[in-house]
């Protein structure tokens, strides 16, 4: 063979170049990951801001009474459930009115789907799926009216809608989905219509939550 081996200095340069390229690749993917996280965070805030607009308009037209939580499976139209009552206020169809094939699906962006939800390969188009949930404490007893906004202590500190990973229209603190990573957070829609990112540490511990549950529209949060 006529080839020659690299000199020790040449080997050092090759190794150094490989390390630099690896570091550049890691930096590139970290930047992409950060951009994706920021994009998903902005989309999550926009989704909930739209629901907040719908909530405020609904309250104006319904004597300040909140919509109902609703239930699954959707065996009847449930016109007062939040997922049917609110969409028309932002030019969207009630969930119960969406035909198969047009219903929300994981990974397909819509007002119903939490940004960052993983797509699925096999999906039943008949399914009613959405991964936001209404604070179940706002309708303390199923079949009984939901609270009116003025019956709630400090609406700006009381959750209305939160991101969840379930088929349930109701949400509780334990089911809130947070982003991954060091700065894990979740965007929340509050009863006064504002949207805010919170961390898991903001939520009440289970024992404290149980003690506060008797209050109208329990806030879920540390005071």
Protein backbone atom coordinates (compact mmCIF):
# COMPACT_ATOMS: atom_id res chain seq x y z
CA UNK A 1 0.00 0.00 0.00
CA UNK A 2 1.18 3.48 -0.83
CA UNK A 3 -0.87 5.23 1.88
CA UNK A 4 0.80 6.89 4.81
CA UNK A 5 -0.40 7.07 8.36
CA UNK A 6 -1.33 10.49 9.76
CA UNK A 7 1.26 12.01 11.98
CA UNK A 8 0.47 12.34 15.72
CA UNK A 9 -0.22 16.03 15.11
CA UNK A 10 -2.57 15.12 12.27
CA UNK A 11 -4.45 12.70 14.52
CA UNK A 12 -4.84 15.40 17.15
CA UNK A 13 -6.27 17.75 14.53
CA UNK A 14 -8.72 15.11 13.30
CA UNK A 15 -9.93 14.35 16.83
CA UNK A 16 -10.21 18.06 17.65
CA UNK A 17 -12.18 18.67 14.48
CA UNK A 18 -14.54 15.81 15.30
CA UNK A 19 -15.11 17.20 18.81
CA UNK A 20 -15.83 20.66 17.40
CA UNK A 21 -18.31 19.27 14.88
CA UNK A 22 -20.04 17.26 17.61
CA UNK A 23 -20.27 20.34 19.82
CA UNK A 24 -21.67 22.40 16.95
CA UNK A 25 -24.25 19.68 16.24
CA UNK A 26 -25.31 19.59 19.88
CA UNK A 27 -25.62 23.38 19.95
CA UNK A 28 -27.66 23.34 16.74
CA UNK A 29 -30.11 20.75 18.06
CA UNK A 30 -30.35 22.56 21.39
CA UNK A 31 -31.27 25.76 19.54
CA UNK A 32 -33.86 23.89 17.49
CA UNK A 33 -35.28 22.32 20.65
CA UNK A 34 -35.48 25.70 22.34
CA UNK A 35 -37.22 27.23 19.35
CA UNK A 36 -39.72 24.36 19.25
CA UNK A 37 -40.45 24.74 22.97
CA UNK A 38 -40.98 28.50 22.60
CA UNK A 39 -43.23 27.94 19.59
CA UNK A 40 -45.34 25.38 21.46
CA UNK A 41 -45.55 27.68 24.49
CA UNK A 42 -46.78 30.58 22.35
CA UNK A 43 -49.33 28.33 20.63
CA UNK A 44 -50.57 27.06 24.00
CA UNK A 45 -51.10 30.64 25.19
CA UNK A 46 -52.96 31.56 21.99
CA UNK A 47 -55.27 28.55 22.30
CA UNK A 48 -56.29 29.47 25.82
CA UNK A 49 -56.65 33.17 24.97
CA UNK A 50 -59.26 32.17 22.38
CA UNK A 51 -61.11 30.10 24.98
CA UNK A 52 -60.88 33.09 27.33
CA UNK A 53 -62.59 35.34 24.77
CA UNK A 54 -65.34 32.76 24.37
CA UNK A 55 -65.76 32.48 28.15
CA UNK A 56 -66.17 36.23 28.64
CA UNK A 57 -68.74 36.49 25.85
CA UNK A 58 -70.62 33.49 27.24
CA UNK A 59 -70.74 35.04 30.71
CA UNK A 60 -72.19 38.28 29.31
CA UNK A 61 -75.02 36.43 27.57
CA UNK A 62 -75.76 33.95 30.37
CA UNK A 63 -76.17 36.04 33.48
CA UNK A 64 -72.56 35.55 34.59
CA UNK A 65 -73.11 31.81 35.00
CA UNK A 66 -70.23 29.59 33.98
CA UNK A 67 -70.78 26.76 31.49
CA UNK A 68 -71.07 23.23 32.80
CA UNK A 69 -68.18 20.78 32.95
CA UNK A 70 -69.91 18.14 30.85
CA UNK A 71 -69.24 14.42 30.79
CA UNK A 72 -68.08 11.53 28.67
CA UNK A 73 -69.02 9.53 26.75
CA UNK A 74 -70.94 12.10 24.74
CA UNK A 75 -74.27 10.32 24.62
CA UNK A 76 -76.32 13.52 24.21
CA UNK A 77 -75.66 17.05 22.89
CA UNK A 78 -74.96 18.63 26.34
CA UNK A 79 -75.53 22.19 25.09
CA UNK A 80 -74.33 23.84 28.33
CA UNK A 81 -71.06 21.86 28.56
CA UNK A 82 -68.07 24.14 27.97
CA UNK A 83 -66.91 22.20 24.90
CA UNK A 84 -70.27 22.81 23.20
CA UNK A 85 -71.35 26.13 24.71
CA UNK A 86 -68.17 28.17 24.14
CA UNK A 87 -67.03 27.41 20.55
CA UNK A 88 -69.81 29.39 18.75
CA UNK A 89 -68.54 32.58 20.45
CA UNK A 90 -65.28 32.27 18.51
CA UNK A 91 -66.82 31.05 15.25
CA UNK A 92 -66.14 27.39 15.96
CA UNK A 93 -68.52 24.43 15.90
CA UNK A 94 -69.60 22.75 19.15
CA UNK A 95 -67.67 19.55 19.68
CA UNK A 96 -70.88 17.49 19.51
CA UNK A 97 -71.59 18.98 16.08
CA UNK A 98 -68.33 17.86 14.47
CA UNK A 99 -68.77 14.88 12.13
CA UNK A 100 -66.34 11.94 12.10
CA UNK A 101 -63.14 12.91 10.34
CA UNK A 102 -63.38 16.51 11.55
CA UNK A 103 -63.09 15.81 15.26
CA UNK A 104 -59.94 16.79 17.16
CA UNK A 105 -57.02 14.41 16.87
CA UNK A 106 -53.71 14.26 18.77
CA UNK A 107 -50.90 15.95 16.89
CA UNK A 108 -53.22 17.92 14.60
CA UNK A 109 -53.18 21.61 15.64
CA UNK A 110 -56.54 23.00 16.75
CA UNK A 111 -58.14 24.85 19.66
CA UNK A 112 -58.96 21.48 21.19
CA UNK A 113 -55.45 20.06 21.17
CA UNK A 114 -52.63 20.98 23.52
CA UNK A 115 -49.56 21.97 21.46
CA UNK A 116 -46.86 19.34 21.75
CA UNK A 117 -49.33 16.45 21.91
CA UNK A 118 -47.81 13.48 20.10
CA UNK A 119 -49.55 12.33 16.88
CA UNK A 120 -50.84 8.78 16.62
CA UNK A 121 -50.61 6.44 13.63
CA UNK A 122 -53.88 4.62 14.19
CA UNK A 123 -56.91 6.70 15.12
CA UNK A 124 -60.65 6.11 15.31
CA UNK A 125 -62.34 9.09 13.55
CA UNK A 126 -65.49 8.48 15.63
CA UNK A 127 -63.70 9.44 18.86
CA UNK A 128 -64.34 12.77 20.59
CA UNK A 129 -60.92 13.73 21.87
CA UNK A 130 -59.69 16.95 23.44
CA UNK A 131 -57.00 17.55 26.03
CA UNK A 132 -58.16 20.58 27.92
CA UNK A 133 -60.31 20.25 31.01
CA UNK A 134 -62.54 22.61 33.00
CA UNK A 135 -61.97 23.00 36.73
CA UNK A 136 -64.40 20.43 38.16
CA UNK A 137 -64.84 22.52 41.33
CA UNK A 138 -66.75 25.12 39.31
CA UNK A 139 -69.67 22.70 39.12
CA UNK A 140 -69.51 21.07 42.55
CA UNK A 141 -72.28 18.54 41.92
CA UNK A 142 -73.04 16.81 38.63
CA UNK A 143 -76.49 17.68 37.37
CA UNK A 144 -76.57 20.84 39.50
CA UNK A 145 -75.90 24.25 37.99
CA UNK A 146 -72.38 25.55 37.70
CA UNK A 147 -71.29 28.53 39.75
CA UNK A 148 -71.85 32.14 38.78
CA UNK A 149 -68.72 34.20 38.41
CA UNK A 150 -69.60 36.43 41.37
CA UNK A 151 -69.93 33.35 43.61
CA UNK A 152 -66.21 32.70 43.22
CA UNK A 153 -63.64 34.20 45.54
CA UNK A 154 -60.93 35.96 43.50
CA UNK A 155 -61.73 34.77 39.92
CA UNK A 156 -58.26 35.90 38.78
CA UNK A 157 -56.78 33.15 40.96
CA UNK A 158 -59.25 30.39 40.05
CA UNK A 159 -58.53 28.02 37.18
CA UNK A 160 -61.15 27.71 34.47
CA UNK A 161 -59.38 25.59 31.83
CA UNK A 162 -56.14 23.58 32.09
CA UNK A 163 -54.17 21.29 29.77
CA UNK A 164 -54.66 17.61 30.55
CA UNK A 165 -53.86 14.28 28.89
CA UNK A 166 -57.18 12.55 29.04
CA UNK A 167 -60.59 12.19 27.40
CA UNK A 168 -62.33 13.83 30.35
CA UNK A 169 -63.81 17.33 30.05
CA UNK A 170 -62.98 17.93 33.73
CA UNK A 171 -59.62 18.87 35.21
CA UNK A 172 -58.08 18.54 38.65
CA UNK A 173 -54.61 19.66 39.80
CA UNK A 174 -53.14 16.16 39.66
CA UNK A 175 -54.00 15.87 35.97
CA UNK A 176 -52.43 19.11 34.72
CA UNK A 177 -49.81 18.45 32.03
CA UNK A 178 -46.56 20.41 32.29
CA UNK A 179 -43.89 20.87 29.64
CA UNK A 180 -40.70 18.85 30.05
CA UNK A 181 -37.33 20.17 31.12
CA UNK A 182 -35.84 22.33 33.82
CA UNK A 183 -38.36 25.14 33.37
CA UNK A 184 -41.46 22.91 33.12
CA UNK A 185 -44.64 24.96 33.04
CA UNK A 186 -48.27 24.88 31.91
CA UNK A 187 -50.45 27.64 30.52
CA UNK A 188 -53.70 28.05 32.44
CA UNK A 189 -56.89 30.00 31.66
CA UNK A 190 -58.32 31.69 34.75
CA UNK A 191 -61.93 32.58 35.43
CA UNK A 192 -61.33 36.29 34.80
CA UNK A 193 -60.16 35.44 31.26
CA UNK A 194 -56.40 35.91 31.63
CA UNK A 195 -53.83 33.27 30.67
CA UNK A 196 -50.74 32.60 32.74
CA UNK A 197 -47.91 30.05 32.78
CA UNK A 198 -47.53 28.24 36.10
CA UNK A 199 -45.16 25.62 37.51
CA UNK A 200 -46.01 22.50 39.47
CA UNK A 201 -44.72 24.15 42.64
CA UNK A 202 -47.55 26.69 42.39
CA UNK A 203 -50.16 23.98 43.00
CA UNK A 204 -51.46 23.10 46.43
CA UNK A 205 -50.31 19.85 47.98
CA UNK A 206 -53.05 17.17 48.03
CA UNK A 207 -53.77 17.59 51.76
CA UNK A 208 -54.07 21.36 51.46
CA UNK A 209 -56.22 20.98 48.36
CA UNK A 210 -58.63 18.69 50.20
CA UNK A 211 -58.90 21.21 53.04
CA UNK A 212 -59.69 24.01 50.59
CA UNK A 213 -62.18 22.05 48.50
CA UNK A 214 -65.18 23.37 50.42
CA UNK A 215 -64.51 26.90 49.15
CA UNK A 216 -66.34 28.15 46.07
CA UNK A 217 -64.17 27.53 43.01
CA UNK A 218 -61.10 26.32 44.87
CA UNK A 219 -58.11 28.07 43.35
CA UNK A 220 -55.67 25.10 43.42
CA UNK A 221 -52.89 27.54 44.24
CA UNK A 222 -50.58 28.49 47.07
CA UNK A 223 -51.73 31.75 48.61
